[in-house]
Amino acid sequence: MEPRTIIVSDLHLGRPDGATSAASFAELAEQCDRLIVNGDCAELHHERYRENAAIELARLREVCLVRGTKLELLAGNHDPYIGPRVLTLASNRILVTHGDALHPALAPWSRAARVMRNTFLETFERERLTLGDHEARFAAARAAAVAEWKFEGAGASHSTAMRMLLRPIAAAKVLHYWWNYTTLVNEFARDYLPTAQTIVVGHSHRANMKQIDGRTIVNTGAYSFPGVPHALLLEGEQLSFHRLRMDRFRYRLSALPSARWQLSAASTREGNDRPSAAAIIRPAAQSCATDTPVE
């Protein structure tokens, strides 16, 4: 049997509107050999939620440990020191990163967007000569996240339906970000890892899939407003995208995936950086130009 890897994101453990609890992932941990949380696993930045977040994070580690499941945590803007910023799988054919580092303001709809943008750009310019463009980008995102917490006083705020209603310009910025997000992801992947066929992100809280330039971009959604949690399952050379459903207070993969596709052989990129025909992945029932929200 092929090893099974499940990728999720944006649990926001410790926050009332985040994932129910670490214990609710027990069944999901039993369904895989490796569980990757792609950023914003726990609200470790927020003074109000930090203590509970740390407790839930320890419980999640225990949930995976007793089941023999390897837990890997990637950093996001709500837990920027929890782990690495990027992970590659399947011989560099899959790229996993949270996605907050793709925009200088991290979250353009935030009240602290200007502060984050300025901090990001200043840090990036300062660090790029020694760290290189990509590592400087990640360092800048970390610094920008910290700047937001300081701006908010007791830690970064989070979006709710009421706050969106009270700040319609913020809602408009969210929609604009959603519209452009996959383009940002594709541009980053093209530069960072041209061999990547599937790119897995989170951050925007909008679960969806899109084919662009022969790459499949997957967003696994979130457990808090306005997200619908999803997971990407990797088994050998096969990928499938599942909604996560709550059953008896435990998350589990939906029986039927929203899409299923096969990794091709190692990508062969032509001079114009477009993939050769052999490298193109087509998820079931998706065209190369389709942007498919998953609800």
Protein backbone atom coordinates (compact mmCIF):
# COMPACT_ATOMS: atom_id res chain seq x y z
CA MET A 1 0.00 0.00 0.00
CA GLU A 2 1.29 3.43 -0.94
CA PRO A 3 2.07 5.87 1.92
CA ARG A 4 -0.71 8.41 2.38
CA THR A 5 -0.03 12.11 2.92
CA ILE A 6 -2.81 14.55 3.83
CA ILE A 7 -2.34 18.31 3.53
CA VAL A 8 -4.62 20.80 5.31
CA SER A 9 -4.26 24.45 6.33
CA ASP A 10 -5.65 27.28 8.44
CA LEU A 11 -6.86 25.31 11.46
CA HIS A 12 -6.49 28.40 13.71
CA LEU A 13 -6.48 26.20 16.79
CA GLY A 14 -7.18 28.09 19.98
CA ARG A 15 -9.54 30.58 18.37
CA PRO A 16 -13.28 30.16 19.02
CA ASP A 17 -14.15 30.23 15.32
CA GLY A 18 -11.28 27.96 14.27
CA ALA A 19 -11.15 24.17 14.09
CA THR A 20 -13.19 22.55 16.84
CA SER A 21 -10.22 21.06 18.70
CA ALA A 22 -7.07 19.04 18.13
CA ALA A 23 -8.99 15.93 19.15
CA SER A 24 -11.29 16.39 16.17
CA PHE A 25 -8.38 15.46 13.88
CA ALA A 26 -7.91 12.01 15.40
CA GLU A 27 -9.69 10.16 12.59
CA LEU A 28 -7.90 12.19 9.92
CA ALA A 29 -4.56 11.27 11.52
CA GLU A 30 -5.59 7.62 11.37
CA GLN A 31 -6.25 7.94 7.63
CA CYS A 32 -2.69 8.91 6.72
CA ASP A 33 0.97 8.26 7.43
CA ARG A 34 1.90 11.94 7.19
CA LEU A 35 -0.18 15.00 8.09
CA ILE A 36 1.02 18.36 6.82
CA VAL A 37 -0.54 21.55 8.19
CA ASN A 38 0.23 24.28 5.67
CA GLY A 39 0.32 27.36 7.89
CA ASP A 40 -1.90 28.99 10.52
CA CYS A 41 -2.19 25.82 12.53
CA ALA A 42 -2.61 27.67 15.83
CA GLU A 43 -3.24 31.23 17.04
CA LEU A 44 0.16 31.50 18.71
CA HIS A 45 0.47 35.23 17.98
CA HIS A 46 -2.67 36.43 19.71
CA GLU A 47 -2.48 37.38 23.38
CA ARG A 48 -6.10 36.42 23.94
CA TYR A 49 -5.81 32.97 22.37
CA ARG A 50 -2.11 32.12 22.75
CA GLU A 51 -2.38 29.92 25.84
CA ASN A 52 -5.25 27.82 24.51
CA ALA A 53 -3.56 27.62 21.10
CA ALA A 54 -0.39 26.21 22.66
CA ILE A 55 -2.45 23.60 24.54
CA GLU A 56 -4.32 22.55 21.40
CA LEU A 57 -1.09 22.40 19.40
CA ALA A 58 0.43 20.07 22.01
CA ARG A 59 -2.71 17.93 21.82
CA LEU A 60 -2.45 17.75 18.03
CA ARG A 61 1.13 16.54 18.34
CA GLU A 62 -0.06 13.90 20.81
CA VAL A 63 -2.95 12.85 18.53
CA CYS A 64 -0.49 12.17 15.73
CA LEU A 65 2.18 10.63 17.96
CA VAL A 66 -0.07 7.93 19.45
CA ARG A 67 -1.26 6.99 15.96
CA GLY A 68 2.21 6.85 14.47
CA THR A 69 1.41 9.70 12.07
CA LYS A 70 4.19 12.09 11.14
CA LEU A 71 3.08 15.68 11.74
CA GLU A 72 4.74 18.48 9.78
CA LEU A 73 3.93 22.13 10.39
CA LEU A 74 4.63 24.91 7.91
CA ALA A 75 4.64 28.53 8.98
CA GLY A 76 1.86 30.98 8.20
CA ASN A 77 1.23 34.57 9.21
CA HIS A 78 -0.51 33.48 12.44
CA ASP A 79 2.32 31.14 13.50
CA PRO A 80 5.39 32.41 11.61
CA TYR A 81 7.96 30.65 13.79
CA ILE A 82 6.34 27.23 13.92
CA GLY A 83 8.25 25.64 11.03
CA PRO A 84 9.66 26.12 7.52
CA ARG A 85 7.94 28.25 4.93
CA VAL A 86 7.95 25.84 2.03
CA LEU A 87 7.98 22.11 1.37
CA THR A 88 8.44 20.10 -1.83
CA LEU A 89 7.11 16.60 -2.41
CA ALA A 90 7.17 13.95 -5.14
CA SER A 91 10.60 14.82 -6.53
CA ASN A 92 9.81 18.55 -6.75
CA ARG A 93 6.55 17.99 -8.60
CA ILE A 94 4.48 19.29 -5.66
CA LEU A 95 5.12 22.63 -3.95
CA VAL A 96 3.50 23.42 -0.60
CA THR A 97 3.54 26.89 0.96
CA HIS A 98 1.01 28.84 3.02
CA GLY A 99 0.71 31.72 0.58
CA ASP A 100 0.86 34.81 2.79
CA ALA A 101 4.32 35.71 1.46
CA LEU A 102 2.96 36.20 -2.07
CA HIS A 103 1.58 39.70 -1.40
CA PRO A 104 3.58 42.47 0.32
CA ALA A 105 0.58 43.42 2.49
CA LEU A 106 0.01 39.73 3.41
CA ALA A 107 -3.70 40.41 3.99
CA PRO A 108 -4.64 43.55 2.01
CA TRP A 109 -8.04 43.73 3.73
CA SER A 110 -6.48 44.08 7.19
CA ARG A 111 -6.55 47.39 9.06
CA ALA A 112 -2.78 46.96 9.30
CA ALA A 113 -2.28 46.39 5.56
CA ARG A 114 -0.20 49.55 5.07
CA VAL A 115 2.00 48.74 8.06
CA MET A 116 2.54 45.19 6.81
CA ARG A 117 3.33 46.35 3.27
CA ASN A 118 5.89 48.89 4.46
CA THR A 119 7.50 46.36 6.80
CA PHE A 120 7.56 43.71 4.08
CA LEU A 121 9.21 45.98 1.50
CA GLU A 122 11.75 47.37 3.95
CA THR A 123 12.72 43.90 5.17
CA PHE A 124 12.86 42.47 1.67
CA GLU A 125 15.19 45.20 0.41
CA ARG A 126 17.41 44.84 3.46
CA GLU A 127 17.68 41.05 3.34
CA ARG A 128 17.69 40.19 -0.35
CA LEU A 129 21.41 40.86 -0.85
CA THR A 130 22.38 38.31 1.80
CA LEU A 131 19.48 35.83 1.73
CA GLY A 132 18.48 35.93 -1.94
CA ASP A 133 15.06 36.86 -3.27
CA HIS A 134 13.08 33.86 -2.04
CA GLU A 135 14.43 33.65 1.50
CA ALA A 136 14.19 37.44 1.77
CA ARG A 137 10.53 37.17 0.77
CA PHE A 138 9.84 34.69 3.55
CA ALA A 139 11.77 36.77 6.09
CA ALA A 140 9.80 39.83 5.00
CA ALA A 141 6.50 38.00 5.44
CA ARG A 142 7.49 36.98 8.96
CA ALA A 143 8.43 40.55 9.85
CA ALA A 144 5.18 41.87 8.36
CA ALA A 145 3.13 39.40 10.40
CA VAL A 146 4.80 40.57 13.61
CA ALA A 147 4.18 44.20 12.59
CA GLU A 148 0.45 43.47 12.31
CA TRP A 149 0.32 42.06 15.82
CA LYS A 150 2.00 45.18 17.20
CA PHE A 151 -0.33 47.41 15.21
CA GLU A 152 -3.41 45.64 16.56
CA GLY A 153 -2.14 45.87 20.13
CA ALA A 154 -3.24 42.52 21.52
CA GLY A 155 -2.44 40.59 18.35
CA ALA A 156 -3.74 40.41 14.82
CA SER A 157 -7.50 40.63 14.39
CA HIS A 158 -9.46 38.14 12.35
CA SER A 159 -12.26 38.54 9.85
CA THR A 160 -15.88 37.89 10.73
CA ALA A 161 -19.11 38.39 8.78
CA MET A 162 -19.99 41.38 10.98
CA ARG A 163 -16.62 43.03 10.45
CA MET A 164 -16.96 42.57 6.70
CA LEU A 165 -20.40 44.20 6.80
CA LEU A 166 -19.06 47.12 8.78
CA ARG A 167 -16.08 47.54 6.45
CA PRO A 168 -17.38 47.00 2.90
CA ILE A 169 -14.07 48.21 1.45
CA ALA A 170 -12.39 45.31 3.26
CA ALA A 171 -14.89 42.88 1.72
CA ALA A 172 -14.09 44.33 -1.72
CA LYS A 173 -10.39 43.84 -1.08
CA VAL A 174 -11.02 40.21 -0.09
CA LEU A 175 -12.88 39.58 -3.35
CA HIS A 176 -10.12 41.27 -5.36
CA TYR A 177 -7.51 39.15 -3.57
CA TRP A 178 -9.45 35.96 -4.28
CA TRP A 179 -9.67 36.93 -7.95
CA ASN A 180 -5.91 37.44 -8.27
CA TYR A 181 -4.60 34.88 -5.79
CA THR A 182 -4.02 31.97 -8.15
CA THR A 183 -2.09 34.26 -10.49
CA LEU A 184 0.19 35.23 -7.60
CA VAL A 185 0.65 31.57 -6.73
CA ASN A 186 1.45 30.62 -10.31
CA GLU A 187 3.98 33.44 -10.70
CA PHE A 188 5.71 32.40 -7.49
CA ALA A 189 5.84 28.72 -8.49
CA ARG A 190 7.13 29.56 -11.96
CA ASP A 191 10.03 31.43 -10.40
CA TYR A 192 10.66 29.33 -7.28
CA LEU A 193 10.17 25.79 -8.59
CA PRO A 194 9.41 25.50 -12.34
CA THR A 195 9.12 21.71 -12.08
CA ALA A 196 6.12 21.96 -9.75
CA GLN A 197 2.99 20.49 -11.34
CA THR A 198 0.72 20.96 -8.31
CA ILE A 199 0.97 23.90 -5.90
CA VAL A 200 -0.83 23.67 -2.56
CA VAL A 201 -1.67 26.84 -0.62
CA GLY A 202 -4.05 28.15 2.02
CA HIS A 203 -4.21 31.63 3.60
CA SER A 204 -7.10 33.08 1.57
CA HIS A 205 -9.64 30.78 3.34
CA ARG A 206 -11.27 30.03 -0.03
CA ALA A 207 -11.10 26.39 -1.08
CA ASN A 208 -10.73 26.10 -4.83
CA MET A 209 -8.75 24.62 -7.71
CA LYS A 210 -7.44 26.20 -10.88
CA GLN A 211 -5.41 25.09 -13.86
CA ILE A 212 -2.99 27.75 -15.11
CA ASP A 213 0.04 27.33 -17.37
CA GLY A 214 -0.25 23.57 -16.99
CA ARG A 215 -0.06 23.75 -13.20
CA THR A 216 -2.80 22.69 -10.80
CA ILE A 217 -3.21 25.18 -7.97
CA VAL A 218 -5.10 23.87 -4.95
CA ASN A 219 -6.29 25.90 -1.97
CA THR A 220 -7.36 23.73 0.95
CA GLY A 221 -9.63 26.35 2.54
CA ALA A 222 -9.98 27.01 6.26
CA TYR A 223 -11.89 26.15 9.42
CA SER A 224 -12.91 29.73 10.18
CA PHE A 225 -14.89 32.42 8.35
CA PRO A 226 -15.52 32.27 5.45
CA GLY A 227 -13.77 28.98 4.75
CA VAL A 228 -14.89 25.45 4.00
CA PRO A 229 -12.16 23.00 5.06
CA HIS A 230 -10.70 20.67 2.44
CA ALA A 231 -7.71 18.36 2.23
CA LEU A 232 -5.36 17.18 -0.47
CA LEU A 233 -4.56 13.47 -0.33
CA LEU A 234 -1.36 12.14 -1.93
CA GLU A 235 -1.02 8.39 -2.48
CA GLY A 236 2.00 7.44 -4.57
CA GLU A 237 1.52 9.29 -7.85
CA GLN A 238 -2.18 10.01 -7.32
CA LEU A 239 -3.72 13.15 -5.86
CA SER A 240 -7.30 13.72 -4.75
CA PHE A 241 -9.06 16.77 -3.34
CA HIS A 242 -11.63 16.14 -0.60
CA ARG A 243 -14.00 18.21 1.46
CA LEU A 244 -13.62 17.58 5.18
CA ARG A 245 -16.85 16.74 6.94
CA MET A 246 -17.58 16.66 10.65
CA ASP A 247 -18.97 13.37 11.95
CA ARG A 248 -19.34 12.74 15.66
CA PHE A 249 -17.09 15.72 16.40
CA ARG A 250 -14.30 14.39 14.17
CA TYR A 251 -13.19 15.54 10.74
CA ARG A 252 -13.02 12.94 8.00
CA LEU A 253 -12.39 12.93 4.28
CA SER A 254 -15.49 12.94 2.11
CA ALA A 255 -15.94 9.55 0.45
CA LEU A 256 -15.95 11.02 -3.06
CA PRO A 257 -13.25 13.56 -3.94
CA SER A 258 -14.03 16.80 -5.76
CA ALA A 259 -11.21 15.93 -8.17
CA ARG A 260 -8.68 13.20 -8.70
CA TRP A 261 -5.57 13.30 -10.88
CA GLN A 262 -2.25 11.63 -11.52
CA LEU A 263 1.20 13.17 -11.37
CA SER A 264 3.03 12.86 -14.63
CA ALA A 265 6.68 11.95 -14.99
CA ALA A 266 9.21 14.59 -13.93
CA SER A 267 8.32 17.82 -15.71
CA THR A 268 10.15 18.76 -18.87
CA ARG A 269 9.93 22.51 -19.32
CA GLU A 270 10.46 24.10 -22.69
CA GLY A 271 12.36 27.32 -23.34
CA ASN A 272 9.27 29.49 -22.93
CA ASP A 273 8.70 27.98 -19.47
CA ARG A 274 5.46 26.33 -20.50
CA PRO A 275 5.25 22.63 -19.68
CA SER A 276 5.50 20.06 -22.39
CA ALA A 277 2.28 18.19 -23.21
CA ALA A 278 3.46 15.22 -21.15
CA ALA A 279 3.68 17.38 -18.02
CA ILE A 280 0.16 18.82 -18.08
CA ILE A 281 -2.12 17.55 -15.32
CA ARG A 282 -5.87 17.63 -15.82
CA PRO A 283 -8.01 17.06 -12.72
CA ALA A 284 -11.21 15.20 -13.40
CA ALA A 285 -13.82 17.37 -15.10
CA GLN A 286 -11.58 20.47 -14.99
CA SER A 287 -10.32 22.35 -18.02
CA CYS A 288 -7.02 24.17 -17.99
CA ALA A 289 -8.77 27.52 -17.71
CA THR A 290 -11.31 26.61 -15.05
CA ASP A 291 -11.39 28.30 -11.64
CA THR A 292 -13.51 26.00 -9.51
CA PRO A 293 -14.66 27.20 -6.06
CA VAL A 294 -15.34 24.19 -3.84
CA GLU A 295 -18.13 24.55 -1.32
